[in-house]
N, C-alpha and C. Protein backbone atom coordinates (compact mmCIF):
# COMPACT_ATOMS: atom_id res chain seq x y z
N MET A 1 2.31 12.65 4.67
CA MET A 1 3.49 13.15 5.35
C MET A 1 3.30 12.98 6.86
N VAL A 2 4.37 12.55 7.52
CA VAL A 2 4.37 12.47 8.97
C VAL A 2 5.46 13.40 9.51
N ARG A 3 5.20 13.98 10.67
CA ARG A 3 6.15 14.92 11.27
C ARG A 3 6.28 14.60 12.75
N TYR A 4 7.53 14.44 13.20
CA TYR A 4 7.81 14.14 14.60
C TYR A 4 8.82 15.12 15.16
N LEU A 5 8.67 15.40 16.44
CA LEU A 5 9.66 16.16 17.21
C LEU A 5 10.26 15.19 18.21
N ALA A 6 11.59 15.16 18.31
CA ALA A 6 12.25 14.22 19.22
C ALA A 6 13.44 14.88 19.90
N HIS A 7 13.89 14.24 20.99
CA HIS A 7 15.09 14.71 21.67
C HIS A 7 16.28 14.68 20.71
N ALA A 8 16.33 13.67 19.85
CA ALA A 8 17.41 13.56 18.86
C ALA A 8 16.89 12.84 17.63
N VAL A 9 17.35 13.31 16.46
CA VAL A 9 17.07 12.66 15.19
C VAL A 9 18.42 12.30 14.58
N MET A 10 18.57 11.05 14.16
CA MET A 10 19.81 10.59 13.53
C MET A 10 19.54 10.34 12.06
N HIS A 11 20.28 11.08 11.23
CA HIS A 11 20.08 10.98 9.79
C HIS A 11 21.36 11.35 9.06
N GLY A 12 21.75 10.53 8.11
CA GLY A 12 22.92 10.83 7.29
C GLY A 12 24.22 10.94 8.06
N GLY A 13 24.35 10.16 9.13
CA GLY A 13 25.57 10.19 9.92
C GLY A 13 25.67 11.35 10.89
N LYS A 14 24.60 12.12 11.02
CA LYS A 14 24.59 13.27 11.92
C LYS A 14 23.51 13.10 12.98
N VAL A 15 23.71 13.79 14.10
CA VAL A 15 22.72 13.80 15.18
C VAL A 15 22.18 15.22 15.29
N TYR A 16 20.87 15.35 15.19
CA TYR A 16 20.19 16.63 15.30
C TYR A 16 19.42 16.64 16.62
N ARG A 17 19.80 17.52 17.52
CA ARG A 17 19.16 17.60 18.84
C ARG A 17 17.90 18.46 18.76
N GLN A 18 16.90 18.08 19.56
CA GLN A 18 15.64 18.83 19.63
C GLN A 18 15.19 19.26 18.24
N SER A 19 14.96 18.29 17.37
CA SER A 19 14.65 18.58 15.97
C SER A 19 13.37 17.92 15.52
N ILE A 20 12.89 18.42 14.39
CA ILE A 20 11.70 17.88 13.75
C ILE A 20 12.14 17.11 12.52
N VAL A 21 11.60 15.93 12.34
CA VAL A 21 11.86 15.14 11.14
C VAL A 21 10.54 14.92 10.42
N GLU A 22 10.57 15.13 9.10
CA GLU A 22 9.39 14.92 8.26
C GLU A 22 9.73 13.86 7.22
N LEU A 23 8.83 12.91 7.06
CA LEU A 23 8.99 11.87 6.04
C LEU A 23 7.80 11.96 5.10
N ASP A 24 8.10 12.23 3.83
CA ASP A 24 7.06 12.35 2.81
C ASP A 24 7.47 11.45 1.64
N GLY A 25 7.00 10.22 1.65
CA GLY A 25 7.41 9.25 0.64
C GLY A 25 8.86 8.87 0.85
N THR A 26 9.72 9.27 -0.08
CA THR A 26 11.15 8.99 0.07
C THR A 26 11.93 10.24 0.47
N ARG A 27 11.25 11.34 0.68
CA ARG A 27 11.91 12.59 1.04
C ARG A 27 11.93 12.76 2.55
N VAL A 28 13.12 13.01 3.09
CA VAL A 28 13.30 13.23 4.53
C VAL A 28 13.80 14.66 4.73
N ALA A 29 13.18 15.38 5.65
CA ALA A 29 13.63 16.72 6.00
C ALA A 29 13.79 16.80 7.50
N VAL A 30 14.93 17.31 7.94
CA VAL A 30 15.19 17.51 9.36
C VAL A 30 15.40 19.00 9.59
N SER A 31 14.68 19.54 10.57
CA SER A 31 14.82 20.97 10.87
C SER A 31 14.84 21.18 12.37
N ARG A 32 15.46 22.26 12.76
CA ARG A 32 15.56 22.62 14.17
C ARG A 32 14.17 23.00 14.69
N PHE A 33 13.87 22.63 15.92
CA PHE A 33 12.59 22.97 16.54
C PHE A 33 12.64 24.44 16.97
N ASP A 34 11.79 25.26 16.35
CA ASP A 34 11.70 26.68 16.68
C ASP A 34 10.39 27.04 17.35
N GLY A 35 9.41 26.19 17.22
CA GLY A 35 8.10 26.43 17.81
C GLY A 35 7.15 25.33 17.37
N GLU A 36 6.01 25.29 18.00
CA GLU A 36 5.05 24.23 17.70
C GLU A 36 4.49 24.37 16.29
N ILE A 37 4.36 23.22 15.64
CA ILE A 37 3.78 23.13 14.31
C ILE A 37 2.61 22.16 14.40
N HIS A 38 1.48 22.53 13.82
CA HIS A 38 0.28 21.70 13.85
C HIS A 38 0.57 20.29 13.33
N SER A 39 0.00 19.31 13.98
CA SER A 39 0.09 17.88 13.62
C SER A 39 1.48 17.29 13.78
N THR A 40 2.27 17.85 14.68
CA THR A 40 3.59 17.29 14.98
C THR A 40 3.46 16.39 16.20
N ILE A 41 3.96 15.17 16.09
CA ILE A 41 3.89 14.20 17.18
C ILE A 41 5.19 14.26 17.96
N PHE A 42 5.09 14.39 19.29
CA PHE A 42 6.29 14.44 20.12
C PHE A 42 6.70 13.03 20.51
N VAL A 43 8.00 12.76 20.37
CA VAL A 43 8.58 11.48 20.77
C VAL A 43 9.58 11.76 21.88
N SER A 44 9.33 11.23 23.05
CA SER A 44 10.27 11.38 24.15
C SER A 44 11.34 10.31 23.97
N GLY A 45 12.30 10.62 23.13
CA GLY A 45 13.34 9.65 22.82
C GLY A 45 14.09 10.03 21.56
N ILE A 46 14.41 9.02 20.77
CA ILE A 46 15.28 9.18 19.60
C ILE A 46 14.59 8.62 18.37
N ILE A 47 14.79 9.29 17.24
CA ILE A 47 14.30 8.78 15.96
C ILE A 47 15.51 8.56 15.06
N VAL A 48 15.59 7.37 14.49
CA VAL A 48 16.67 7.03 13.57
C VAL A 48 16.06 6.89 12.17
N VAL A 49 16.59 7.65 11.21
CA VAL A 49 16.19 7.49 9.82
C VAL A 49 17.06 6.37 9.25
N ALA A 50 16.43 5.26 8.91
CA ALA A 50 17.16 4.05 8.50
C ALA A 50 16.65 3.55 7.15
N PRO A 51 17.46 2.74 6.46
CA PRO A 51 17.02 2.17 5.19
C PRO A 51 16.00 1.06 5.42
N GLU A 52 14.83 1.23 4.84
CA GLU A 52 13.74 0.27 5.03
C GLU A 52 14.15 -1.15 4.63
N GLN A 53 14.97 -1.28 3.58
CA GLN A 53 15.34 -2.59 3.07
C GLN A 53 16.39 -3.30 3.93
N ARG A 54 17.17 -2.54 4.72
CA ARG A 54 18.27 -3.15 5.47
C ARG A 54 18.08 -3.18 6.98
N ILE A 55 17.18 -2.41 7.51
CA ILE A 55 16.98 -2.40 8.97
C ILE A 55 16.25 -3.68 9.36
N THR A 56 16.69 -4.31 10.42
CA THR A 56 16.08 -5.56 10.86
C THR A 56 15.46 -5.39 12.24
N THR A 57 14.63 -6.34 12.61
CA THR A 57 14.05 -6.31 13.96
C THR A 57 15.14 -6.47 15.01
N VAL A 58 16.20 -7.18 14.66
CA VAL A 58 17.33 -7.33 15.58
C VAL A 58 17.98 -5.98 15.83
N ASN A 59 18.21 -5.20 14.74
CA ASN A 59 18.77 -3.85 14.90
C ASN A 59 17.89 -2.99 15.80
N ILE A 60 16.60 -3.03 15.55
CA ILE A 60 15.66 -2.21 16.33
C ILE A 60 15.65 -2.65 17.79
N ASP A 61 15.60 -3.94 18.03
CA ASP A 61 15.62 -4.45 19.40
C ASP A 61 16.90 -4.07 20.14
N GLN A 62 18.03 -4.12 19.43
CA GLN A 62 19.30 -3.75 20.06
C GLN A 62 19.33 -2.26 20.41
N MET A 63 18.80 -1.42 19.53
CA MET A 63 18.76 0.02 19.82
C MET A 63 17.82 0.31 20.99
N LYS A 64 16.69 -0.40 21.05
CA LYS A 64 15.77 -0.24 22.19
C LYS A 64 16.45 -0.67 23.49
N HIS A 65 17.22 -1.73 23.42
CA HIS A 65 17.96 -2.22 24.59
C HIS A 65 18.98 -1.17 25.05
N ILE A 66 19.70 -0.58 24.11
CA ILE A 66 20.67 0.47 24.44
C ILE A 66 19.95 1.64 25.11
N LEU A 67 18.82 2.05 24.56
CA LEU A 67 18.06 3.17 25.13
C LEU A 67 17.57 2.83 26.53
N GLY A 68 17.08 1.63 26.73
CA GLY A 68 16.56 1.22 28.02
C GLY A 68 17.60 1.13 29.11
N ARG A 69 18.84 0.80 28.74
CA ARG A 69 19.91 0.64 29.73
C ARG A 69 20.59 1.96 30.09
N ALA A 70 20.45 2.97 29.26
CA ALA A 70 21.12 4.25 29.52
C ALA A 70 20.34 5.05 30.56
N GLU A 71 21.05 5.54 31.56
CA GLU A 71 20.39 6.34 32.59
C GLU A 71 20.02 7.72 32.07
N LEU A 72 20.86 8.30 31.22
CA LEU A 72 20.62 9.63 30.68
C LEU A 72 20.34 9.55 29.19
N ILE A 73 19.49 10.45 28.69
CA ILE A 73 19.19 10.47 27.26
C ILE A 73 20.44 10.79 26.45
N GLU A 74 21.33 11.63 26.99
CA GLU A 74 22.57 11.97 26.29
C GLU A 74 23.45 10.74 26.09
N THR A 75 23.51 9.89 27.08
CA THR A 75 24.28 8.64 26.97
C THR A 75 23.67 7.75 25.89
N ALA A 76 22.35 7.65 25.89
CA ALA A 76 21.66 6.83 24.89
C ALA A 76 21.91 7.37 23.48
N ILE A 77 21.87 8.68 23.32
CA ILE A 77 22.11 9.29 22.00
C ILE A 77 23.50 8.92 21.49
N LYS A 78 24.50 9.05 22.34
CA LYS A 78 25.88 8.72 21.93
C LYS A 78 26.02 7.25 21.57
N ARG A 79 25.46 6.38 22.38
CA ARG A 79 25.59 4.94 22.14
C ARG A 79 24.83 4.48 20.90
N ILE A 80 23.63 5.00 20.71
CA ILE A 80 22.85 4.61 19.54
C ILE A 80 23.48 5.19 18.27
N SER A 81 24.01 6.40 18.35
CA SER A 81 24.71 6.99 17.21
C SER A 81 25.89 6.11 16.80
N ARG A 82 26.65 5.66 17.77
CA ARG A 82 27.79 4.77 17.50
C ARG A 82 27.30 3.46 16.87
N TYR A 83 26.19 2.91 17.39
CA TYR A 83 25.63 1.67 16.86
C TYR A 83 25.23 1.85 15.39
N VAL A 84 24.55 2.95 15.08
CA VAL A 84 24.10 3.22 13.71
C VAL A 84 25.29 3.33 12.76
N ILE A 85 26.35 4.01 13.20
CA ILE A 85 27.55 4.16 12.37
C ILE A 85 28.24 2.81 12.16
N MET A 86 28.40 2.05 13.24
CA MET A 86 29.10 0.76 13.15
C MET A 86 28.33 -0.25 12.28
N ARG A 87 27.01 -0.16 12.26
CA ARG A 87 26.19 -1.10 11.47
C ARG A 87 25.88 -0.55 10.08
N ASN A 88 26.43 0.64 9.76
CA ASN A 88 26.22 1.27 8.46
C ASN A 88 24.73 1.38 8.12
N LEU A 89 23.97 1.97 9.03
CA LEU A 89 22.53 2.07 8.85
C LEU A 89 22.08 3.43 8.33
N ALA A 90 22.98 4.17 7.69
CA ALA A 90 22.59 5.43 7.06
C ALA A 90 21.90 5.13 5.73
N VAL A 91 20.94 5.95 5.37
CA VAL A 91 20.18 5.77 4.13
C VAL A 91 20.98 6.33 2.95
N THR A 92 21.12 5.55 1.90
CA THR A 92 21.76 6.03 0.68
C THR A 92 20.69 6.57 -0.26
N PRO A 93 21.07 7.37 -1.27
CA PRO A 93 20.06 7.99 -2.15
C PRO A 93 19.14 7.00 -2.87
N ASP A 94 19.59 5.78 -3.11
CA ASP A 94 18.75 4.81 -3.83
C ASP A 94 17.92 3.92 -2.90
N GLU A 95 17.91 4.22 -1.60
CA GLU A 95 17.14 3.42 -0.64
C GLU A 95 15.92 4.19 -0.14
N THR A 96 14.93 3.44 0.29
CA THR A 96 13.72 4.02 0.85
C THR A 96 13.91 4.21 2.35
N PRO A 97 13.73 5.45 2.85
CA PRO A 97 13.92 5.68 4.28
C PRO A 97 12.70 5.27 5.10
N THR A 98 12.95 4.88 6.31
CA THR A 98 11.90 4.62 7.28
C THR A 98 12.33 5.23 8.61
N LEU A 99 11.38 5.54 9.45
CA LEU A 99 11.69 6.12 10.75
C LEU A 99 11.60 5.05 11.82
N VAL A 100 12.68 4.88 12.56
CA VAL A 100 12.70 3.97 13.70
C VAL A 100 12.52 4.83 14.94
N ILE A 101 11.39 4.66 15.61
CA ILE A 101 11.06 5.48 16.77
C ILE A 101 11.43 4.72 18.03
N LEU A 102 12.34 5.30 18.78
CA LEU A 102 12.82 4.69 20.03
C LEU A 102 12.31 5.54 21.18
N GLN A 103 11.18 5.15 21.71
CA GLN A 103 10.50 5.90 22.77
C GLN A 103 11.12 5.60 24.12
N ARG A 104 11.35 6.61 24.90
CA ARG A 104 11.94 6.44 26.22
C ARG A 104 10.87 6.18 27.25
């Protein structure tokens, strides 16, 4: 199991601010950050839960480009959220999730 804390986590068409995401095999859990938890890795940026079979390096590079061009993290969150929705990159129940880490 891996656990990350990020400025924003995008999963299932929703944006979770200041949240923790845990990936354990095919199970994804997103929870609000209430306090430090042992072995949690902080990501200064955004984490996108994406389908492992459909996410491409082009998608990842484009999201990194969006993050790099945005002056504010809030702007980047809105733009990347729109990108994920437009590209239909939400994980369906029969797909294997992966975490795309977009470090600022």
